[in-house]
Amino acid sequence: MFNLEIIKDIVCPIGKKELKYEGNFLVCTNCGLKFPIVYNIPVMIVEEAILPVDVSSINDLSCKKR
């Protein structure tokens, strides 16, 4: 089981915003980038994250445009 306590210590590596737990992912509360949780360890590598449905590139994320 994933330890939800660590969410308060982890932020999105792009926009530095809080994350929320959704299923097997940590999701940025600002841009919606989804970081998978594999074997109870969050994979916080941007290139391994899943883009929101309406975004085609990491450069198109709202966090990246600032």
N, C-alpha and C. Protein backbone atom coordinates (compact mmCIF):
# COMPACT_ATOMS: atom_id res chain seq x y z
N MET A 1 0.84 -1.20 0.00
CA MET A 1 0.00 0.00 0.00
C MET A 1 0.87 1.24 0.00
N PHE A 2 0.50 2.22 -0.83
CA PHE A 2 1.24 3.47 -0.94
C PHE A 2 1.05 4.31 0.32
N ASN A 3 2.13 4.88 0.82
CA ASN A 3 2.10 5.70 2.03
C ASN A 3 1.68 7.13 1.66
N LEU A 4 0.45 7.48 1.95
CA LEU A 4 -0.08 8.80 1.59
C LEU A 4 0.59 9.94 2.34
N GLU A 5 1.27 9.65 3.41
CA GLU A 5 1.95 10.70 4.19
C GLU A 5 3.05 11.39 3.39
N ILE A 6 3.64 10.71 2.43
CA ILE A 6 4.76 11.32 1.69
C ILE A 6 4.29 12.37 0.69
N ILE A 7 2.98 12.41 0.38
CA ILE A 7 2.49 13.39 -0.59
C ILE A 7 2.79 14.81 -0.13
N LYS A 8 2.74 15.05 1.15
CA LYS A 8 2.99 16.41 1.65
C LYS A 8 4.44 16.85 1.44
N ASP A 9 5.33 15.89 1.18
CA ASP A 9 6.74 16.20 0.99
C ASP A 9 7.18 16.19 -0.47
N ILE A 10 6.26 15.90 -1.39
CA ILE A 10 6.60 15.80 -2.81
C ILE A 10 5.77 16.82 -3.59
N VAL A 11 6.40 17.48 -4.56
CA VAL A 11 5.69 18.41 -5.43
C VAL A 11 5.98 18.06 -6.88
N CYS A 12 5.21 18.64 -7.78
CA CYS A 12 5.44 18.44 -9.21
C CYS A 12 6.82 19.01 -9.56
N PRO A 13 7.64 18.25 -10.26
CA PRO A 13 8.98 18.73 -10.60
C PRO A 13 8.99 19.89 -11.59
N ILE A 14 7.89 20.15 -12.26
CA ILE A 14 7.85 21.26 -13.22
C ILE A 14 7.36 22.54 -12.55
N GLY A 15 6.15 22.53 -12.03
CA GLY A 15 5.55 23.74 -11.47
C GLY A 15 5.68 23.89 -9.97
N LYS A 16 6.23 22.87 -9.31
CA LYS A 16 6.42 22.88 -7.85
C LYS A 16 5.10 23.02 -7.09
N LYS A 17 4.02 22.48 -7.67
CA LYS A 17 2.71 22.52 -7.03
C LYS A 17 2.42 21.21 -6.32
N GLU A 18 1.42 21.22 -5.44
CA GLU A 18 1.03 20.04 -4.68
C GLU A 18 0.54 18.93 -5.60
N LEU A 19 0.62 17.70 -5.09
CA LEU A 19 0.13 16.53 -5.80
C LEU A 19 -1.03 15.93 -5.04
N LYS A 20 -1.91 15.25 -5.77
CA LYS A 20 -3.00 14.50 -5.12
C LYS A 20 -2.91 13.05 -5.58
N TYR A 21 -3.39 12.17 -4.74
CA TYR A 21 -3.35 10.73 -5.02
C TYR A 21 -4.62 10.33 -5.75
N GLU A 22 -4.45 9.70 -6.92
CA GLU A 22 -5.58 9.18 -7.70
C GLU A 22 -5.22 7.80 -8.22
N GLY A 23 -5.76 6.78 -7.58
CA GLY A 23 -5.46 5.41 -8.01
C GLY A 23 -4.00 5.08 -7.86
N ASN A 24 -3.35 4.74 -8.96
CA ASN A 24 -1.91 4.43 -8.93
C ASN A 24 -1.08 5.58 -9.47
N PHE A 25 -1.55 6.81 -9.25
CA PHE A 25 -0.85 7.98 -9.75
C PHE A 25 -0.82 9.09 -8.72
N LEU A 26 0.21 9.94 -8.80
CA LEU A 26 0.22 11.22 -8.13
C LEU A 26 0.00 12.24 -9.23
N VAL A 27 -1.00 13.11 -9.04
CA VAL A 27 -1.41 14.03 -10.09
C VAL A 27 -1.16 15.46 -9.63
N CYS A 28 -0.51 16.25 -10.49
CA CYS A 28 -0.25 17.66 -10.18
C CYS A 28 -1.58 18.39 -10.10
N THR A 29 -1.78 19.15 -9.03
CA THR A 29 -3.03 19.89 -8.84
C THR A 29 -3.12 21.11 -9.74
N ASN A 30 -2.04 21.46 -10.42
CA ASN A 30 -2.05 22.61 -11.31
C ASN A 30 -2.15 22.21 -12.78
N CYS A 31 -1.24 21.39 -13.26
CA CYS A 31 -1.20 21.08 -14.70
C CYS A 31 -1.81 19.73 -15.05
N GLY A 32 -2.04 18.86 -14.06
CA GLY A 32 -2.66 17.57 -14.32
C GLY A 32 -1.72 16.47 -14.76
N LEU A 33 -0.43 16.71 -14.76
CA LEU A 33 0.55 15.68 -15.12
C LEU A 33 0.44 14.53 -14.13
N LYS A 34 0.42 13.29 -14.65
CA LYS A 34 0.21 12.11 -13.80
C LYS A 34 1.49 11.30 -13.68
N PHE A 35 1.97 11.14 -12.45
CA PHE A 35 3.18 10.38 -12.17
C PHE A 35 2.78 9.00 -11.65
N PRO A 36 3.22 7.94 -12.32
CA PRO A 36 2.82 6.59 -11.89
C PRO A 36 3.46 6.19 -10.57
N ILE A 37 2.77 5.33 -9.85
CA ILE A 37 3.32 4.73 -8.63
C ILE A 37 3.59 3.27 -8.97
N VAL A 38 4.87 2.88 -8.91
CA VAL A 38 5.28 1.53 -9.28
C VAL A 38 5.90 0.87 -8.05
N TYR A 39 5.34 -0.26 -7.66
CA TYR A 39 5.79 -0.97 -6.46
C TYR A 39 5.83 -0.03 -5.25
N ASN A 40 4.79 0.79 -5.12
CA ASN A 40 4.62 1.73 -4.01
C ASN A 40 5.64 2.87 -4.00
N ILE A 41 6.30 3.11 -5.13
CA ILE A 41 7.28 4.20 -5.25
C ILE A 41 6.83 5.13 -6.36
N PRO A 42 6.63 6.42 -6.08
CA PRO A 42 6.25 7.35 -7.14
C PRO A 42 7.42 7.58 -8.11
N VAL A 43 7.13 7.48 -9.38
CA VAL A 43 8.13 7.73 -10.43
C VAL A 43 7.97 9.19 -10.83
N MET A 44 8.85 10.05 -10.32
CA MET A 44 8.73 11.49 -10.52
C MET A 44 9.58 12.00 -11.69
N ILE A 45 9.81 11.16 -12.65
CA ILE A 45 10.56 11.53 -13.85
C ILE A 45 9.55 12.09 -14.85
N VAL A 46 9.75 13.33 -15.26
CA VAL A 46 8.79 14.00 -16.14
C VAL A 46 8.55 13.22 -17.42
N GLU A 47 9.59 12.67 -18.00
CA GLU A 47 9.47 11.91 -19.25
C GLU A 47 8.67 10.61 -19.08
N GLU A 48 8.52 10.13 -17.86
CA GLU A 48 7.75 8.91 -17.58
C GLU A 48 6.30 9.22 -17.20
N ALA A 49 5.99 10.49 -17.01
CA ALA A 49 4.65 10.90 -16.59
C ALA A 49 3.67 10.83 -17.76
N ILE A 50 2.40 10.78 -17.43
CA ILE A 50 1.33 10.75 -18.43
C ILE A 50 0.74 12.16 -18.54
N LEU A 51 0.69 12.64 -19.76
CA LEU A 51 0.16 13.97 -20.02
C LEU A 51 -1.37 13.99 -19.87
N PRO A 52 -1.92 15.14 -19.49
CA PRO A 52 -3.39 15.26 -19.48
C PRO A 52 -3.93 15.04 -20.90
N VAL A 53 -5.18 14.67 -21.01
CA VAL A 53 -5.81 14.32 -22.29
C VAL A 53 -5.68 15.44 -23.33
N ASP A 54 -5.85 16.67 -22.92
CA ASP A 54 -5.85 17.79 -23.86
C ASP A 54 -4.47 18.37 -24.15
N VAL A 55 -3.40 17.71 -23.70
CA VAL A 55 -2.04 18.20 -23.88
C VAL A 55 -1.24 17.20 -24.71
N SER A 56 -0.53 17.69 -25.73
CA SER A 56 0.21 16.79 -26.61
C SER A 56 1.71 16.77 -26.35
N SER A 57 2.22 17.71 -25.55
CA SER A 57 3.66 17.80 -25.29
C SER A 57 3.89 18.38 -23.90
N ILE A 58 4.99 18.01 -23.29
CA ILE A 58 5.36 18.57 -21.99
C ILE A 58 5.46 20.09 -22.07
N ASN A 59 5.92 20.60 -23.20
CA ASN A 59 6.05 22.04 -23.37
C ASN A 59 4.71 22.76 -23.42
N ASP A 60 3.62 22.04 -23.63
CA ASP A 60 2.29 22.64 -23.68
C ASP A 60 1.60 22.69 -22.31
N LEU A 61 2.22 22.14 -21.29
CA LEU A 61 1.64 22.19 -19.94
C LEU A 61 1.58 23.61 -19.42
N SER A 62 0.54 23.91 -18.67
CA SER A 62 0.39 25.25 -18.13
C SER A 62 1.58 25.65 -17.24
N CYS A 63 2.14 24.72 -16.52
CA CYS A 63 3.29 24.99 -15.65
C CYS A 63 4.53 25.37 -16.48
N LYS A 64 4.67 24.76 -17.63
CA LYS A 64 5.86 24.95 -18.47
C LYS A 64 5.82 26.29 -19.21
N LYS A 65 4.63 26.82 -19.43
CA LYS A 65 4.48 28.05 -20.20
C LYS A 65 4.81 29.30 -19.39
N ARG A 66 4.94 29.17 -18.10
CA ARG A 66 5.20 30.35 -17.23
C ARG A 66 6.64 30.73 -17.25
